[in-house]
Protein backbone atom coordinates (compact mmCIF):
# COMPACT_ATOMS: atom_id res chain seq x y z
CA MET A 1 0.00 0.00 0.00
CA LYS A 2 2.82 2.35 0.91
CA LEU A 3 4.59 1.58 -2.41
CA PHE A 4 1.35 2.26 -4.29
CA LEU A 5 0.96 5.66 -2.61
CA SER A 6 4.61 6.43 -3.29
CA LYS A 7 4.12 5.92 -7.03
CA ILE A 8 1.04 8.12 -7.09
CA PHE A 9 2.65 11.01 -5.21
CA SER A 10 6.13 10.68 -6.74
CA ARG A 11 5.50 13.37 -9.38
CA TRP A 12 4.25 16.08 -7.07
CA VAL A 13 5.53 15.34 -3.56
CA PRO A 14 8.20 18.00 -2.77
CA ALA A 15 11.75 16.76 -2.53
CA GLY A 16 12.86 15.81 0.96
CA VAL A 17 9.33 15.33 2.29
CA ALA A 18 8.71 11.86 3.66
CA LEU A 19 5.64 9.95 2.52
CA ASN A 20 4.92 9.23 6.18
CA THR A 21 4.11 12.93 6.66
CA TYR A 22 1.38 12.82 4.02
CA THR A 23 0.13 9.47 5.25
CA HIS A 24 -0.13 10.86 8.76
CA GLN A 25 -2.05 13.93 7.56
CA PHE A 26 -4.52 11.61 5.85
CA THR A 27 -4.83 9.55 9.06
CA GLN A 28 -5.32 12.67 11.17
CA ASN A 29 -8.04 13.98 8.86
CA ASN A 30 -9.84 10.64 9.11
CA LEU A 31 -9.71 10.80 12.90
CA ARG A 32 -11.09 14.34 12.79
CA ILE A 33 -13.99 13.20 10.61
CA LYS A 34 -14.69 10.38 13.06
CA GLY A 35 -14.66 12.91 15.89
CA ILE A 36 -17.16 15.13 14.07
CA ILE A 37 -19.47 12.18 13.39
CA LEU A 38 -19.32 11.16 17.06
CA PHE A 39 -20.21 14.69 18.15
CA VAL A 40 -23.23 14.73 15.84
CA ILE A 41 -24.41 11.47 17.43
CA ILE A 42 -23.77 12.95 20.88
CA ASN A 43 -25.87 16.00 20.05
CA ILE A 44 -28.75 13.88 18.78
CA ILE A 45 -28.80 11.88 22.02
CA TRP A 46 -28.39 14.94 24.23
CA GLY A 47 -31.09 16.75 22.31
CA SER A 48 -33.48 13.97 23.23
CA THR A 49 -32.70 14.34 26.95
CA PHE A 50 -34.05 17.89 27.32
CA PRO A 51 -37.75 17.05 26.87
CA LEU A 52 -37.32 13.82 28.85
CA ILE A 53 -35.76 15.65 31.80
CA GLU A 54 -38.30 18.48 31.62
CA ASN A 55 -41.13 15.95 31.78
CA THR A 56 -39.51 13.77 34.48
CA VAL A 57 -38.68 16.57 36.95
CA ASN A 58 -42.42 17.16 37.27
CA SER A 59 -42.53 13.97 39.35
CA LEU A 60 -38.92 13.33 40.43
CA SER A 61 -36.71 15.86 42.21
CA PRO A 62 -33.57 16.94 40.29
CA SER A 63 -31.27 15.42 42.91
CA VAL A 64 -32.94 12.00 42.75
CA LEU A 65 -32.95 12.00 38.95
CA ILE A 66 -29.22 12.77 38.78
CA SER A 67 -28.42 10.24 41.51
CA MET A 68 -30.30 7.39 39.82
CA ARG A 69 -29.15 8.35 36.32
CA PHE A 70 -25.47 8.27 37.23
CA THR A 71 -25.71 5.27 39.52
CA VAL A 72 -27.01 3.27 36.56
CA ALA A 73 -24.22 4.64 34.36
CA ALA A 74 -21.50 4.01 36.96
CA ILE A 75 -22.59 0.39 37.47
CA PHE A 76 -22.52 -0.17 33.72
CA PHE A 77 -18.93 1.13 33.48
CA SER A 78 -17.62 -0.18 36.83
CA VAL A 79 -15.63 -2.97 35.11
CA ASN A 80 -13.26 -0.29 33.78
CA LEU A 81 -12.22 0.87 37.26
CA ARG A 82 -9.48 -1.74 37.56
CA ARG A 83 -6.75 0.28 35.83
CA LEU A 84 -6.58 3.30 38.12
CA ASN A 85 -3.73 5.51 39.27
CA LYS A 86 -3.43 8.72 41.27
CA LEU A 87 -3.30 10.95 38.19
CA MET A 88 -6.44 9.38 36.72
CA LEU A 89 -8.28 9.70 40.04
CA ARG A 90 -7.32 13.37 40.31
CA ASP A 91 -8.31 14.18 36.72
CA GLY A 92 -11.50 12.13 36.93
CA LEU A 93 -12.47 13.86 40.17
CA LEU A 94 -12.04 17.30 38.60
CA LEU A 95 -14.03 16.37 35.49
CA GLY A 96 -16.70 14.68 37.61
CA LEU A 97 -17.16 17.78 39.78
CA LEU A 98 -17.57 20.01 36.73
CA PHE A 99 -19.89 17.57 34.98
CA PHE A 100 -22.02 17.23 38.12
CA ALA A 101 -22.30 21.03 38.39
CA TYR A 102 -23.32 21.26 34.74
CA LEU A 103 -26.03 18.59 35.04
CA ALA A 104 -27.35 19.80 38.40
CA ILE A 105 -27.81 23.36 37.12
CA GLU A 106 -29.42 22.12 33.91
CA THR A 107 -31.85 19.83 35.74
CA ILE A 108 -32.91 22.58 38.16
CA ALA A 109 -33.33 25.08 35.32
CA LEU A 110 -35.61 22.71 33.40
CA GLU A 111 -38.14 23.00 36.22
CA SER A 112 -38.87 26.56 35.08
CA ILE A 113 -37.90 26.75 31.41
CA HIS A 114 -38.92 24.94 28.22
CA ALA A 115 -36.54 22.29 26.92
CA ASN A 116 -35.95 23.84 23.49
CA ARG A 117 -35.17 27.25 25.02
CA ALA A 118 -32.74 25.74 27.54
CA ALA A 119 -30.90 23.88 24.80
CA PHE A 120 -30.36 27.02 22.75
CA ILE A 121 -28.97 28.86 25.79
CA ILE A 122 -26.47 26.13 26.63
CA SER A 123 -25.07 26.40 23.11
CA LEU A 124 -23.62 29.76 24.17
CA SER A 125 -20.62 27.66 25.14
CA ALA A 126 -19.75 27.83 21.42
CA ILE A 127 -18.40 31.34 21.92
CA LEU A 128 -17.33 30.94 25.55
CA VAL A 129 -14.85 28.16 24.74
CA PRO A 130 -12.69 30.23 22.34
CA LEU A 131 -12.99 33.29 24.59
CA LEU A 132 -11.79 31.33 27.62
CA GLY A 133 -9.12 29.79 25.42
CA LEU A 134 -7.69 33.26 24.87
CA PHE A 135 -6.91 33.46 28.58
CA LEU A 136 -4.87 30.28 28.11
CA GLY A 137 -2.76 31.99 25.45
CA ARG A 138 -4.39 30.43 22.41
CA HIS A 139 -4.34 32.17 19.04
CA LEU A 140 -7.53 31.56 17.09
CA PRO A 141 -8.45 32.41 13.48
CA LEU A 142 -10.92 35.25 12.98
CA LYS A 143 -13.44 32.89 11.36
CA THR A 144 -13.71 30.98 14.64
CA PHE A 145 -15.08 34.09 16.33
CA LEU A 146 -17.26 34.99 13.35
CA SER A 147 -18.87 31.56 13.35
CA ALA A 148 -19.35 31.62 17.12
CA GLY A 149 -20.80 35.13 16.91
CA LEU A 150 -23.20 34.02 14.19
CA ALA A 151 -24.38 31.18 16.42
CA ILE A 152 -24.96 33.57 19.30
CA PHE A 153 -26.84 35.95 17.01
CA GLY A 154 -29.11 33.08 16.04
CA ILE A 155 -29.77 32.34 19.70
CA GLY A 156 -30.48 36.04 20.26
CA VAL A 157 -33.10 35.98 17.50
CA ILE A 158 -34.78 33.09 19.29
CA PHE A 159 -34.82 35.05 22.57
CA TRP A 160 -36.22 38.12 20.84
CA GLY A 161 -39.23 36.14 19.73
CA GLU A 162 -39.71 34.17 22.95
CA GLY A 163 -39.75 36.90 25.64
CA VAL A 164 -37.63 38.20 28.56
CA LEU A 165 -35.09 36.26 30.59
CA GLY A 166 -36.27 34.37 33.68
CA ILE A 167 -34.52 32.50 36.49
CA GLY A 168 -34.30 29.38 34.35
CA ASP A 169 -32.61 31.37 31.57
CA LEU A 170 -30.05 32.80 34.02
CA LEU A 171 -29.28 29.34 35.38
CA MET A 172 -28.69 28.06 31.86
CA LEU A 173 -26.35 30.99 31.16
CA VAL A 174 -24.28 29.97 34.19
CA ASP A 175 -24.49 26.40 32.95
CA ALA A 176 -23.02 27.43 29.59
CA ILE A 177 -19.98 28.88 31.39
CA VAL A 178 -19.53 25.71 33.45
CA TYR A 179 -19.76 23.54 30.35
CA ALA A 180 -17.27 25.68 28.44
CA ILE A 181 -14.76 25.22 31.27
CA TYR A 182 -15.46 21.47 31.28
CA THR A 183 -14.86 21.29 27.52
CA LEU A 184 -11.50 23.06 27.73
CA ILE A 185 -10.26 20.96 30.65
CA LEU A 186 -11.46 17.73 29.03
CA GLU A 187 -9.42 18.54 25.92
CA GLN A 188 -6.28 18.74 28.07
CA ILE A 189 -7.01 15.70 30.23
CA ALA A 190 -8.49 13.20 27.76
CA PRO A 191 -5.21 12.32 25.95
CA ARG A 192 -3.56 11.29 29.24
CA HIS A 193 -5.75 8.30 30.03
CA PRO A 194 -7.66 5.38 28.47
CA SER A 195 -11.07 6.84 27.59
CA LEU A 196 -13.16 4.08 29.21
CA SER A 197 -11.33 4.28 32.54
CA LEU A 198 -11.49 8.08 32.69
CA THR A 199 -15.19 8.00 31.82
CA SER A 200 -15.82 5.47 34.60
CA VAL A 201 -14.16 7.67 37.23
CA GLN A 202 -16.25 10.66 36.13
CA LEU A 203 -19.47 8.68 36.37
CA VAL A 204 -18.67 7.34 39.84
CA VAL A 205 -17.87 10.86 41.10
CA VAL A 206 -21.17 12.24 39.78
CA ALA A 207 -23.11 9.25 41.16
CA ILE A 208 -21.65 9.79 44.65
CA LEU A 209 -22.33 13.53 44.57
CA GLY A 210 -25.86 12.87 43.34
CA ALA A 211 -26.49 10.39 46.17
CA LEU A 212 -25.23 12.91 48.75
CA TRP A 213 -27.41 15.63 47.23
CA SER A 214 -30.56 13.51 47.13
CA ASN A 215 -30.07 12.31 50.74
CA THR A 216 -33.38 10.92 52.10
CA GLN A 217 -35.32 11.81 48.94
CA LEU A 218 -34.30 8.50 47.37
CA VAL A 219 -36.45 6.68 49.93
CA GLU A 220 -39.29 9.19 49.83
CA GLU A 221 -39.59 9.00 46.03
CA PHE A 222 -39.06 5.24 45.71
CA ASN A 223 -42.45 4.61 44.08
CA THR A 224 -41.95 7.45 41.62
CA ILE A 225 -38.55 6.03 40.69
CA ASN A 226 -40.19 2.71 39.81
CA GLU A 227 -42.68 4.52 37.58
CA ASN A 228 -39.89 6.23 35.63
CA TRP A 229 -37.42 3.36 35.25
CA SER A 230 -37.49 3.37 31.46
CA VAL A 231 -36.51 7.04 31.33
CA ILE A 232 -33.85 6.56 34.03
CA LEU A 233 -32.32 3.62 32.14
CA TYR A 234 -32.19 5.61 28.90
CA LEU A 235 -30.67 8.63 30.62
CA GLY A 236 -28.22 6.46 32.55
CA LEU A 237 -27.02 3.99 29.92
CA VAL A 238 -27.37 5.84 26.63
CA ALA A 239 -27.37 9.56 27.42
CA THR A 240 -24.79 9.34 30.22
CA ALA A 241 -22.51 6.29 30.13
CA ILE A 242 -22.24 5.87 26.37
CA VAL A 243 -22.31 9.59 25.54
CA THR A 244 -19.70 10.53 28.17
CA TRP A 245 -17.39 7.87 26.76
CA LEU A 246 -18.01 9.01 23.18
CA GLN A 247 -17.30 12.61 24.16
CA THR A 248 -14.07 11.67 25.94
CA LEU A 249 -13.03 9.64 22.89
CA ALA A 250 -14.06 12.19 20.25
CA GLN A 251 -12.33 15.10 21.93
CA ARG A 252 -8.99 13.36 21.46
CA TRP A 253 -9.42 14.02 17.75
CA ILE A 254 -10.82 17.57 17.46
CA ARG A 255 -10.05 20.84 19.22
CA SER A 256 -12.30 22.20 21.94
CA GLU A 257 -13.25 25.24 19.81
CA GLU A 258 -14.53 22.97 17.04
CA ALA A 259 -16.30 20.78 19.60
CA ALA A 260 -18.06 23.85 21.02
CA LEU A 261 -19.36 24.76 17.57
CA LEU A 262 -20.63 21.24 17.05
CA TYR A 263 -22.47 21.49 20.37
CA THR A 264 -24.67 24.19 18.84
CA LEU A 265 -26.39 21.37 16.95
CA GLU A 266 -27.80 20.20 20.28
CA PRO A 267 -30.61 22.79 20.51
CA ILE A 268 -31.71 21.96 16.97
CA PHE A 269 -32.23 18.32 17.92
CA ALA A 270 -33.71 19.35 21.28
CA ALA A 271 -36.30 21.48 19.49
CA ILE A 272 -37.20 18.55 17.23
CA PHE A 273 -37.57 16.12 20.14
CA SER A 274 -39.44 18.72 22.23
CA PHE A 275 -41.98 19.12 19.44
CA TRP A 276 -42.26 15.36 18.99
CA LEU A 277 -42.50 14.37 22.67
CA LEU A 278 -44.01 17.44 24.36
CA GLY A 279 -45.71 19.32 21.54
CA GLU A 280 -43.52 22.41 22.06
CA GLN A 281 -43.39 24.44 18.87
CA LEU A 282 -40.85 26.87 17.47
CA GLY A 283 -42.14 30.20 16.21
CA ILE A 284 -40.94 32.05 13.12
CA SER A 285 -38.16 33.81 15.05
CA SER A 286 -36.98 30.49 16.48
CA LEU A 287 -36.81 28.94 13.03
CA ILE A 288 -34.83 31.92 11.72
CA GLY A 289 -32.50 31.70 14.70
CA ALA A 290 -32.00 27.98 14.14
CA THR A 291 -30.99 28.73 10.55
CA PHE A 292 -28.28 31.10 11.78
CA VAL A 293 -27.02 28.45 14.19
CA LEU A 294 -26.74 25.86 11.43
CA SER A 295 -24.96 28.40 9.21
CA ALA A 296 -22.47 28.98 12.01
CA ILE A 297 -21.77 25.25 12.11
CA VAL A 298 -20.95 25.20 8.39
CA LEU A 299 -18.75 28.31 8.65
CA GLY A 300 -17.00 26.90 11.71
CA GLN A 301 -16.15 23.63 10.00
CA ASN A 302 -14.76 25.47 6.98
CA SER A 303 -12.64 27.71 9.22
CA GLN A 304 -10.51 24.95 10.70
CA ASP A 305 -6.96 25.31 9.42
CA PHE A 306 -4.66 22.37 10.09
CA GLU A 307 -0.93 22.87 9.78
CA PRO A 308 1.38 20.08 8.64
CA TYR A 309 2.21 17.62 11.38
CA THR A 310 5.54 16.21 12.39
CA GLU A 311 6.55 12.94 10.84
CA VAL A 312 5.43 9.92 12.81
CA ASP A 313 5.24 6.21 12.30
CA VAL A 314 1.64 5.37 11.47
CA SER A 315 2.14 1.64 11.36
CA GLU A 316 0.74 1.23 14.90
CA PRO A 317 -2.48 -0.77 15.54
CA THR A 318 -5.70 1.00 14.63
CA SER A 319 -6.69 1.13 18.30
CA ALA A 320 -4.19 3.93 18.83
CA VAL A 321 -5.36 7.52 18.59
CA LEU A 322 -3.25 10.50 17.63
CA VAL A 323 -3.49 13.73 19.57
CA VAL A 324 -2.05 16.97 18.27
CA SER A 325 -1.06 19.53 20.88
CA GLU A 326 -0.99 23.26 20.33
CA ALA A 327 2.70 22.96 19.45
CA ASN A 328 1.82 20.36 16.79
CA CYS A 329 3.56 17.62 18.74
CA VAL A 330 1.93 14.27 18.19
CA LYS A 331 1.33 11.85 21.04
CA SER A 332 -0.03 8.34 20.80
CA ASN A 333 -2.41 7.04 23.44
CA SER A 334 -3.78 3.52 23.46
CA LEU A 335 -7.52 3.30 24.10
């Protein structure tokens, strides 16, 4: 295969440039595409959770829902807790604390705000991630800010047609900040550890915090828990365990700024599921705003400029993933 590629590129590969460099660029682009596909799947699943949570918190308290949801997820992933070390425990604890804060705020906010509205607010993290990245010394292309700004403008159009901000809106704004911080930290931590093990630690941390938060409510709402087991299982297994692992895996392959832009797809899917499950409808302004958000996604994907990578040996097993740091240094981490 390598000889075949060598013959094809022999006429126009610059002198002194190893074929491995081009092969690696092709491999890296494939990994990026896989990461984008995974994030689209993540957004579809997360979009479905907004109407489910909004409907469930009418009967279950937010603390009990989070506790049961993450207990189910932690049990499912507990087999991956065998390969632990101090660094993984520390990183998993930090990510778990941030993820718990994000979910707790979201669940409380959905008691007083419609699911589709909440989802559009949380997508503000699309612009918060690159802005916070500036404080870390990152240099971003202008199109990244233009695409993020276009997404925020779309969200603003939705607000303009839906009315003034309430307590639920303010909580979701705080939630967007928390999630932006989580996204940036996850990008730094994910390449250090096997994705399944790191995901498992996060889930256990959130499950413990949820149990402490719910306290005696678990006993008081026992009958209600039994009535909502199907929703709890979906939220725990699919929307939590599997999605958290997919996110940890996918963010090895794409930058946090690009991930934040992909997250703006979430409110689109949330609006679709909210209409389907709860009958919530989007007005004209909401549809126009959604169009701007989707346009921002397209612009954001076209704005990603990837510089040539250092030469590496790509003959490793396909289970290895390649992570490019800000200095374009390539690291290999086995899943």
